[in-house]
Amino acid sequence: MGKAQITTPPSFDTVWAILQENAQQLKALKESQRETDRQIKETSQQIKETDLQMKETRKQMKETDRQMKETDQQVKRTSEQIKISDKKFGELNNRFGDIVEYMIAPNLRTKFRELGLIFPKANNKTKVDDDENDIHLEIDVMLENGNKAMLVEVKTTLTTEKVKEHVLRLEKMRKYADLHNDKRSFLGAVAGVVMTPNVKKYALKQGFFAIEPSGETFKITPPQGQPKEW
């Protein structure tokens, strides 16, 4: 049998050093645990706050969605009201235009006589429908004599576009007259309750007479030089 080995016990200093090291590790572990607990609490609080914010956000989104739906309904109602108003305004504008037309027509012959143009006849709403030659037009007021005819376009608000349309109307009338052996010459006039200076200037430049309100009646401004004849 071999000899028994005798183990020398560690010295006090060694044991003390090991205990101190263990104490330091334990202290560090406790510090780490406290920091971990603090972080867990902080994270938990952040989660709670985030959850609260998400709930508040969802609540705000629901409110925003409700407001958007309400706004959309208001927009639809407003759009319908605008359509109704536009329709009523259009009807009123047309009726007012008709009223102006019938107010002007009886006095036009007198006013043009003052300018040296004699028209024994005055007709409202003269229509030309020539299906064979595809010529269609309507004349608000047409003044006539044996040699000339005056085509008058009456608008509540006269615009440049309406003046251009009247030029085309005169051209159609000339074409229709030529096809039917009508040798008369045609003159043009435009009347407007509202007529801006620029529109008036443009109408006169086209060779038209410009008719506009003046006090309780109306006045006619002839174009510079000779009026255009079609």
C-alpha atoms as a PDB file:
ATOM      1  CA  MET A   1       0.000   0.000   0.000  1.00  0.00           C
ATOM      2  CA  GLY A   2       1.183   3.462  -0.774  1.00  0.00           C
ATOM      3  CA  LYS A   3       1.720   6.118   1.726  1.00  0.00           C
ATOM      4  CA  ALA A   4      -1.300   8.338   2.596  1.00  0.00           C
ATOM      5  CA  GLN A   5      -1.041  11.880   1.115  1.00  0.00           C
ATOM      6  CA  ILE A   6      -1.340  14.646   3.624  1.00  0.00           C
ATOM      7  CA  THR A   7      -3.262  17.692   2.313  1.00  0.00           C
ATOM      8  CA  THR A   8      -2.094  20.970   3.686  1.00  0.00           C
ATOM      9  CA  PRO A   9      -5.105  23.122   4.609  1.00  0.00           C
ATOM     10  CA  PRO A  10      -5.232  26.567   2.940  1.00  0.00           C
ATOM     11  CA  SER A  11      -3.841  29.350   4.940  1.00  0.00           C
ATOM     12  CA  PHE A  12      -5.982  31.972   6.652  1.00  0.00           C
ATOM     13  CA  ASP A  13      -4.895  34.595   4.178  1.00  0.00           C
ATOM     14  CA  THR A  14      -5.989  32.446   1.264  1.00  0.00           C
ATOM     15  CA  VAL A  15      -9.387  31.716   2.795  1.00  0.00           C
ATOM     16  CA  TRP A  16      -9.834  35.383   3.707  1.00  0.00           C
ATOM     17  CA  ALA A  17      -8.991  36.443   0.164  1.00  0.00           C
ATOM     18  CA  ILE A  18     -11.497  33.969  -1.273  1.00  0.00           C
ATOM     19  CA  LEU A  19     -14.213  35.206   1.101  1.00  0.00           C
ATOM     20  CA  GLN A  20     -13.485  38.820   0.213  1.00  0.00           C
ATOM     21  CA  GLU A  21     -13.636  37.990  -3.498  1.00  0.00           C
ATOM     22  CA  ASN A  22     -16.934  36.164  -3.002  1.00  0.00           C
ATOM     23  CA  ALA A  23     -18.267  39.123  -1.020  1.00  0.00           C
ATOM     24  CA  GLN A  24     -17.281  41.498  -3.823  1.00  0.00           C
ATOM     25  CA  GLN A  25     -18.920  39.246  -6.418  1.00  0.00           C
ATOM     26  CA  LEU A  26     -22.049  38.977  -4.286  1.00  0.00           C
ATOM     27  CA  LYS A  27     -22.122  42.761  -3.859  1.00  0.00           C
ATOM     28  CA  ALA A  28     -21.675  43.233  -7.617  1.00  0.00           C
ATOM     29  CA  LEU A  29     -24.418  40.698  -8.271  1.00  0.00           C
ATOM     30  CA  LYS A  30     -26.785  42.520  -5.919  1.00  0.00           C
ATOM     31  CA  GLU A  31     -25.966  45.832  -7.626  1.00  0.00           C
ATOM     32  CA  SER A  32     -26.603  44.211 -10.981  1.00  0.00           C
ATOM     33  CA  GLN A  33     -29.862  42.771  -9.727  1.00  0.00           C
ATOM     34  CA  ARG A  34     -30.962  46.164  -8.400  1.00  0.00           C
ATOM     35  CA  GLU A  35     -30.114  47.779 -11.769  1.00  0.00           C
ATOM     36  CA  THR A  36     -31.995  45.015 -13.563  1.00  0.00           C
ATOM     37  CA  ASP A  37     -34.993  45.520 -11.268  1.00  0.00           C
ATOM     38  CA  ARG A  38     -34.829  49.280 -11.911  1.00  0.00           C
ATOM     39  CA  GLN A  39     -34.694  48.729 -15.666  1.00  0.00           C
ATOM     40  CA  ILE A  40     -37.575  46.255 -15.464  1.00  0.00           C
ATOM     41  CA  LYS A  41     -39.654  48.772 -13.511  1.00  0.00           C
ATOM     42  CA  GLU A  42     -38.716  51.571 -15.938  1.00  0.00           C
ATOM     43  CA  THR A  43     -39.526  49.366 -18.929  1.00  0.00           C
ATOM     44  CA  SER A  44     -42.796  48.331 -17.303  1.00  0.00           C
ATOM     45  CA  GLN A  45     -43.679  52.000 -16.744  1.00  0.00           C
ATOM     46  CA  GLN A  46     -42.792  52.824 -20.358  1.00  0.00           C
ATOM     47  CA  ILE A  47     -44.977  49.929 -21.518  1.00  0.00           C
ATOM     48  CA  LYS A  48     -47.850  51.253 -19.412  1.00  0.00           C
ATOM     49  CA  GLU A  49     -47.347  54.774 -20.767  1.00  0.00           C
ATOM     50  CA  THR A  50     -47.095  53.464 -24.341  1.00  0.00           C
ATOM     51  CA  ASP A  51     -50.238  51.425 -23.855  1.00  0.00           C
ATOM     52  CA  LEU A  52     -51.994  54.513 -22.471  1.00  0.00           C
ATOM     53  CA  GLN A  53     -50.771  56.569 -25.420  1.00  0.00           C
ATOM     54  CA  MET A  54     -51.952  53.884 -27.840  1.00  0.00           C
ATOM     55  CA  LYS A  55     -55.362  53.857 -26.195  1.00  0.00           C
ATOM     56  CA  GLU A  56     -55.485  57.661 -26.385  1.00  0.00           C
ATOM     57  CA  THR A  57     -54.328  57.514 -30.025  1.00  0.00           C
ATOM     58  CA  ARG A  58     -57.028  54.948 -30.879  1.00  0.00           C
ATOM     59  CA  LYS A  59     -59.553  57.164 -29.146  1.00  0.00           C
ATOM     60  CA  GLN A  60     -58.348  60.194 -31.126  1.00  0.00           C
ATOM     61  CA  MET A  61     -58.415  58.166 -34.358  1.00  0.00           C
ATOM     62  CA  LYS A  62     -62.006  57.157 -33.674  1.00  0.00           C
ATOM     63  CA  GLU A  63     -62.896  60.788 -32.993  1.00  0.00           C
ATOM     64  CA  THR A  64     -61.037  61.901 -36.134  1.00  0.00           C
ATOM     65  CA  ASP A  65     -62.812  59.229 -38.150  1.00  0.00           C
ATOM     66  CA  ARG A  66     -66.153  60.405 -36.760  1.00  0.00           C
ATOM     67  CA  GLN A  67     -65.302  64.013 -37.594  1.00  0.00           C
ATOM     68  CA  MET A  68     -64.195  63.020 -41.112  1.00  0.00           C
ATOM     69  CA  LYS A  69     -67.446  61.167 -41.689  1.00  0.00           C
ATOM     70  CA  GLU A  70     -69.378  64.154 -40.378  1.00  0.00           C
ATOM     71  CA  THR A  71     -67.322  66.514 -42.575  1.00  0.00           C
ATOM     72  CA  ASP A  72     -67.905  64.262 -45.591  1.00  0.00           C
ATOM     73  CA  GLN A  73     -71.639  64.371 -44.929  1.00  0.00           C
ATOM     74  CA  GLN A  74     -71.478  68.172 -44.619  1.00  0.00           C
ATOM     75  CA  VAL A  75     -69.535  68.382 -47.902  1.00  0.00           C
ATOM     76  CA  LYS A  76     -72.144  66.218 -49.613  1.00  0.00           C
ATOM     77  CA  ARG A  77     -74.965  68.354 -48.214  1.00  0.00           C
ATOM     78  CA  THR A  78     -73.140  71.538 -49.242  1.00  0.00           C
ATOM     79  CA  SER A  79     -72.513  70.114 -52.718  1.00  0.00           C
ATOM     80  CA  GLU A  80     -76.202  69.297 -53.096  1.00  0.00           C
ATOM     81  CA  GLN A  81     -77.145  72.789 -51.888  1.00  0.00           C
ATOM     82  CA  ILE A  82     -74.705  74.327 -54.401  1.00  0.00           C
ATOM     83  CA  LYS A  83     -76.216  72.263 -57.215  1.00  0.00           C
ATOM     84  CA  ILE A  84     -79.722  73.340 -56.193  1.00  0.00           C
ATOM     85  CA  SER A  85     -78.568  76.974 -55.894  1.00  0.00           C
ATOM     86  CA  ASP A  86     -76.833  76.834 -59.285  1.00  0.00           C
ATOM     87  CA  LYS A  87     -79.964  75.407 -60.861  1.00  0.00           C
ATOM     88  CA  LYS A  88     -82.167  78.062 -59.268  1.00  0.00           C
ATOM     89  CA  PHE A  89     -79.702  80.793 -60.230  1.00  0.00           C
ATOM     90  CA  GLY A  90     -79.613  79.496 -63.800  1.00  0.00           C
ATOM     91  CA  GLU A  91     -83.390  79.479 -63.983  1.00  0.00           C
ATOM     92  CA  LEU A  92     -83.565  82.939 -62.434  1.00  0.00           C
ATOM     93  CA  ASN A  93     -80.865  84.208 -64.780  1.00  0.00           C
ATOM     94  CA  ASN A  94     -82.743  82.846 -67.793  1.00  0.00           C
ATOM     95  CA  ARG A  95     -86.029  84.377 -66.635  1.00  0.00           C
ATOM     96  CA  PHE A  96     -84.308  87.682 -65.951  1.00  0.00           C
ATOM     97  CA  GLY A  97     -82.746  87.516 -69.415  1.00  0.00           C
ATOM     98  CA  ASP A  98     -86.171  86.964 -70.936  1.00  0.00           C
ATOM     99  CA  ILE A  99     -87.549  89.926 -68.976  1.00  0.00           C
ATOM    100  CA  VAL A 100     -84.709  92.152 -70.167  1.00  0.00           C
ATOM    101  CA  GLU A 101     -85.219  90.929 -73.716  1.00  0.00           C
ATOM    102  CA  TYR A 102     -88.918  91.837 -73.713  1.00  0.00           C
ATOM    103  CA  MET A 103     -88.206  95.181 -72.056  1.00  0.00           C
ATOM    104  CA  ILE A 104     -85.600  96.105 -74.675  1.00  0.00           C
ATOM    105  CA  ALA A 105     -87.390  94.850 -77.785  1.00  0.00           C
ATOM    106  CA  PRO A 106     -90.277  97.406 -77.895  1.00  0.00           C
ATOM    107  CA  ASN A 107     -87.869 100.352 -77.652  1.00  0.00           C
ATOM    108  CA  LEU A 108     -85.126  99.101 -79.941  1.00  0.00           C
ATOM    109  CA  ARG A 109     -86.717 100.388 -83.122  1.00  0.00           C
ATOM    110  CA  THR A 110     -87.010 103.863 -81.591  1.00  0.00           C
ATOM    111  CA  LYS A 111     -83.420 103.856 -80.363  1.00  0.00           C
ATOM    112  CA  PHE A 112     -82.061 102.676 -83.720  1.00  0.00           C
ATOM    113  CA  ARG A 113     -84.190 105.264 -85.536  1.00  0.00           C
ATOM    114  CA  GLU A 114     -82.266 107.891 -83.568  1.00  0.00           C
ATOM    115  CA  LEU A 115     -79.111 106.442 -85.148  1.00  0.00           C
ATOM    116  CA  GLY A 116     -80.627 106.601 -88.636  1.00  0.00           C
ATOM    117  CA  LEU A 117     -81.570 102.937 -88.915  1.00  0.00           C
ATOM    118  CA  ILE A 118     -85.270 102.317 -89.640  1.00  0.00           C
ATOM    119  CA  PHE A 119     -86.697  98.903 -88.799  1.00  0.00           C
ATOM    120  CA  PRO A 120     -90.496  98.608 -89.178  1.00  0.00           C
ATOM    121  CA  LYS A 121     -90.548  95.051 -87.816  1.00  0.00           C
ATOM    122  CA  ALA A 122     -89.273  93.629 -84.518  1.00  0.00           C
ATOM    123  CA  ASN A 123     -89.605  89.948 -83.594  1.00  0.00           C
ATOM    124  CA  ASN A 124     -88.614  88.061 -80.463  1.00  0.00           C
ATOM    125  CA  LYS A 125     -87.178  84.546 -80.508  1.00  0.00           C
ATOM    126  CA  THR A 126     -86.739  84.010 -84.229  1.00  0.00           C
ATOM    127  CA  LYS A 127     -85.558  80.473 -84.995  1.00  0.00           C
ATOM    128  CA  VAL A 128     -83.851  79.086 -88.069  1.00  0.00           C
ATOM    129  CA  ASP A 129     -83.912  75.309 -88.469  1.00  0.00           C
ATOM    130  CA  ASP A 130     -82.532  74.141 -91.794  1.00  0.00           C
ATOM    131  CA  ASP A 131     -82.001  70.408 -91.378  1.00  0.00           C
ATOM    132  CA  GLU A 132     -81.026  69.898 -95.001  1.00  0.00           C
ATOM    133  CA  ASN A 133     -78.056  72.247 -94.700  1.00  0.00           C
ATOM    134  CA  ASP A 134     -77.513  71.681 -90.967  1.00  0.00           C
ATOM    135  CA  ILE A 135     -78.025  75.336 -90.066  1.00  0.00           C
ATOM    136  CA  HIS A 136     -79.665  75.988 -86.712  1.00  0.00           C
ATOM    137  CA  LEU A 137     -79.764  79.236 -84.745  1.00  0.00           C
ATOM    138  CA  GLU A 138     -81.981  81.323 -82.506  1.00  0.00           C
ATOM    139  CA  ILE A 139     -82.145  85.114 -82.510  1.00  0.00           C
ATOM    140  CA  ASP A 140     -83.284  86.875 -79.336  1.00  0.00           C
ATOM    141  CA  VAL A 141     -84.550  89.966 -81.146  1.00  0.00           C
ATOM    142  CA  MET A 142     -84.601  90.470 -84.922  1.00  0.00           C
ATOM    143  CA  LEU A 143     -85.273  93.894 -86.425  1.00  0.00           C
ATOM    144  CA  GLU A 144     -86.111  93.971 -90.136  1.00  0.00           C
ATOM    145  CA  ASN A 145     -86.683  96.223 -93.116  1.00  0.00           C
ATOM    146  CA  GLY A 146     -86.543  95.497 -96.800  1.00  0.00           C
ATOM    147  CA  ASN A 147     -82.759  95.753 -97.148  1.00  0.00           C
ATOM    148  CA  LYS A 148     -81.292  94.968 -93.753  1.00  0.00           C
ATOM    149  CA  ALA A 149     -81.912  92.908 -90.637  1.00  0.00           C
ATOM    150  CA  MET A 150     -80.421  93.482 -87.192  1.00  0.00           C
ATOM    151  CA  LEU A 151     -79.723  90.382 -85.082  1.00  0.00           C
ATOM    152  CA  VAL A 152     -79.669  91.285 -81.388  1.00  0.00           C
ATOM    153  CA  GLU A 153     -78.284  88.946 -78.733  1.00  0.00           C
ATOM    154  CA  VAL A 154     -79.567  89.756 -75.211  1.00  0.00           C
ATOM    155  CA  LYS A 155     -77.765  88.538 -72.076  1.00  0.00           C
ATOM    156  CA  THR A 156     -78.070  89.389 -68.403  1.00  0.00           C
ATOM    157  CA  THR A 157     -74.269  89.266 -68.245  1.00  0.00           C
ATOM    158  CA  LEU A 158     -72.504  89.750 -71.545  1.00  0.00           C
ATOM    159  CA  THR A 159     -69.122  88.032 -71.931  1.00  0.00           C
ATOM    160  CA  THR A 160     -66.492  87.894 -74.645  1.00  0.00           C
ATOM    161  CA  GLU A 161     -67.495  84.280 -75.366  1.00  0.00           C
ATOM    162  CA  LYS A 162     -71.104  85.354 -75.965  1.00  0.00           C
ATOM    163  CA  VAL A 163     -69.883  88.014 -78.386  1.00  0.00           C
ATOM    164  CA  LYS A 164     -67.852  85.365 -80.250  1.00  0.00           C
ATOM    165  CA  GLU A 165     -70.912  83.124 -80.402  1.00  0.00           C
ATOM    166  CA  HIS A 166     -72.899  85.992 -81.911  1.00  0.00           C
ATOM    167  CA  VAL A 167     -70.272  86.395 -84.643  1.00  0.00           C
ATOM    168  CA  LEU A 168     -70.800  82.715 -85.526  1.00  0.00           C
ATOM    169  CA  ARG A 169     -74.565  83.281 -85.420  1.00  0.00           C
ATOM    170  CA  LEU A 170     -74.242  86.082 -88.011  1.00  0.00           C
ATOM    171  CA  GLU A 171     -72.072  83.856 -90.203  1.00  0.00           C
ATOM    172  CA  LYS A 172     -74.686  81.095 -90.066  1.00  0.00           C
ATOM    173  CA  MET A 173     -77.423  83.587 -90.877  1.00  0.00           C
ATOM    174  CA  ARG A 174     -75.458  84.815 -93.913  1.00  0.00           C
ATOM    175  CA  LYS A 175     -74.983  81.253 -95.134  1.00  0.00           C
ATOM    176  CA  TYR A 176     -78.673  80.469 -94.632  1.00  0.00           C
ATOM    177  CA  ALA A 177     -79.705  83.660 -96.473  1.00  0.00           C
ATOM    178  CA  ASP A 178     -77.420  82.878 -99.428  1.00  0.00           C
ATOM    179  CA  LEU A 179     -78.873  79.385 -99.730  1.00  0.00           C
ATOM    180  CA  HIS A 180     -82.399  80.832 -99.793  1.00  0.00           C
ATOM    181  CA  ASN A 181     -81.715  83.749-102.139  1.00  0.00           C
ATOM    182  CA  ASP A 182     -82.076  86.319 -99.349  1.00  0.00           C
ATOM    183  CA  LYS A 183     -80.092  89.335-100.546  1.00  0.00           C
ATOM    184  CA  ARG A 184     -80.460  91.403 -97.356  1.00  0.00           C
ATOM    185  CA  SER A 185     -77.386  92.400 -95.375  1.00  0.00           C
ATOM    186  CA  PHE A 186     -77.249  91.532 -91.700  1.00  0.00           C
ATOM    187  CA  LEU A 187     -76.057  93.677 -88.817  1.00  0.00           C
ATOM    188  CA  GLY A 188     -75.259  92.605 -85.275  1.00  0.00           C
ATOM    189  CA  ALA A 189     -75.932  94.021 -81.813  1.00  0.00           C
ATOM    190  CA  VAL A 190     -75.325  92.702 -78.302  1.00  0.00           C
ATOM    191  CA  ALA A 191     -77.184  93.770 -75.169  1.00  0.00           C
ATOM    192  CA  GLY A 192     -76.161  93.148 -71.572  1.00  0.00           C
ATOM    193  CA  VAL A 193     -77.420  94.306 -68.200  1.00  0.00           C
ATOM    194  CA  VAL A 194     -73.853  93.704 -67.022  1.00  0.00           C
ATOM    195  CA  MET A 195     -71.193  94.601 -69.574  1.00  0.00           C
ATOM    196  CA  THR A 196     -67.599  95.322 -68.582  1.00  0.00           C
ATOM    197  CA  PRO A 197     -65.625  97.976 -70.501  1.00  0.00           C
ATOM    198  CA  ASN A 198     -63.391  95.278 -72.001  1.00  0.00           C
ATOM    199  CA  VAL A 199     -66.353  93.246 -73.264  1.00  0.00           C
ATOM    200  CA  LYS A 200     -67.960  96.392 -74.693  1.00  0.00           C
ATOM    201  CA  LYS A 201     -64.712  97.337 -76.429  1.00  0.00           C
ATOM    202  CA  TYR A 202     -64.433  93.834 -77.880  1.00  0.00           C
ATOM    203  CA  ALA A 203     -68.037  93.877 -79.133  1.00  0.00           C
ATOM    204  CA  LEU A 204     -67.553  97.253 -80.820  1.00  0.00           C
ATOM    205  CA  LYS A 205     -64.344  95.965 -82.411  1.00  0.00           C
ATOM    206  CA  GLN A 206     -66.345  93.115 -83.982  1.00  0.00           C
ATOM    207  CA  GLY A 207     -68.543  95.735 -85.659  1.00  0.00           C
ATOM    208  CA  PHE A 208     -71.485  95.241 -83.277  1.00  0.00           C
ATOM    209  CA  PHE A 209     -73.745  97.827 -81.685  1.00  0.00           C
ATOM    210  CA  ALA A 210     -73.442  97.667 -77.876  1.00  0.00           C
ATOM    211  CA  ILE A 211     -76.675  98.035 -75.900  1.00  0.00           C
ATOM    212  CA  GLU A 212     -76.478  98.677 -72.149  1.00  0.00           C
ATOM    213  CA  PRO A 213     -78.580 100.193 -69.327  1.00  0.00           C
ATOM    214  CA  SER A 214     -78.655 103.971 -68.888  1.00  0.00           C
ATOM    215  CA  GLY A 215     -80.822 105.345 -66.089  1.00  0.00           C
ATOM    216  CA  GLU A 216     -84.369 104.042 -66.502  1.00  0.00           C
ATOM    217  CA  THR A 217     -83.801 103.089 -70.137  1.00  0.00           C
ATOM    218  CA  PHE A 218     -80.819 101.962 -72.222  1.00  0.00           C
ATOM    219  CA  LYS A 219     -78.345 103.402 -74.672  1.00  0.00           C
ATOM    220  CA  ILE A 220     -76.841 102.102 -77.912  1.00  0.00           C
ATOM    221  CA  THR A 221     -73.192 102.674 -78.722  1.00  0.00           C
ATOM    222  CA  PRO A 222     -72.396 102.234 -82.425  1.00  0.00           C
ATOM    223  CA  PRO A 223     -69.063 100.753 -83.518  1.00  0.00           C
ATOM    224  CA  GLN A 224     -66.406 103.134 -84.749  1.00  0.00           C
ATOM    225  CA  GLY A 225     -66.688 103.677 -88.457  1.00  0.00           C
ATOM    226  CA  GLN A 226     -69.219 101.642 -90.402  1.00  0.00           C
ATOM    227  CA  PRO A 227     -70.908  98.740 -88.589  1.00  0.00           C
ATOM    228  CA  LYS A 228     -69.943  95.355 -89.971  1.00  0.00           C
ATOM    229  CA  GLU A 229     -72.396  93.770 -92.374  1.00  0.00           C
ATOM    230  CA  TRP A 230     -72.716  90.095 -93.114  1.00  0.00           C
END
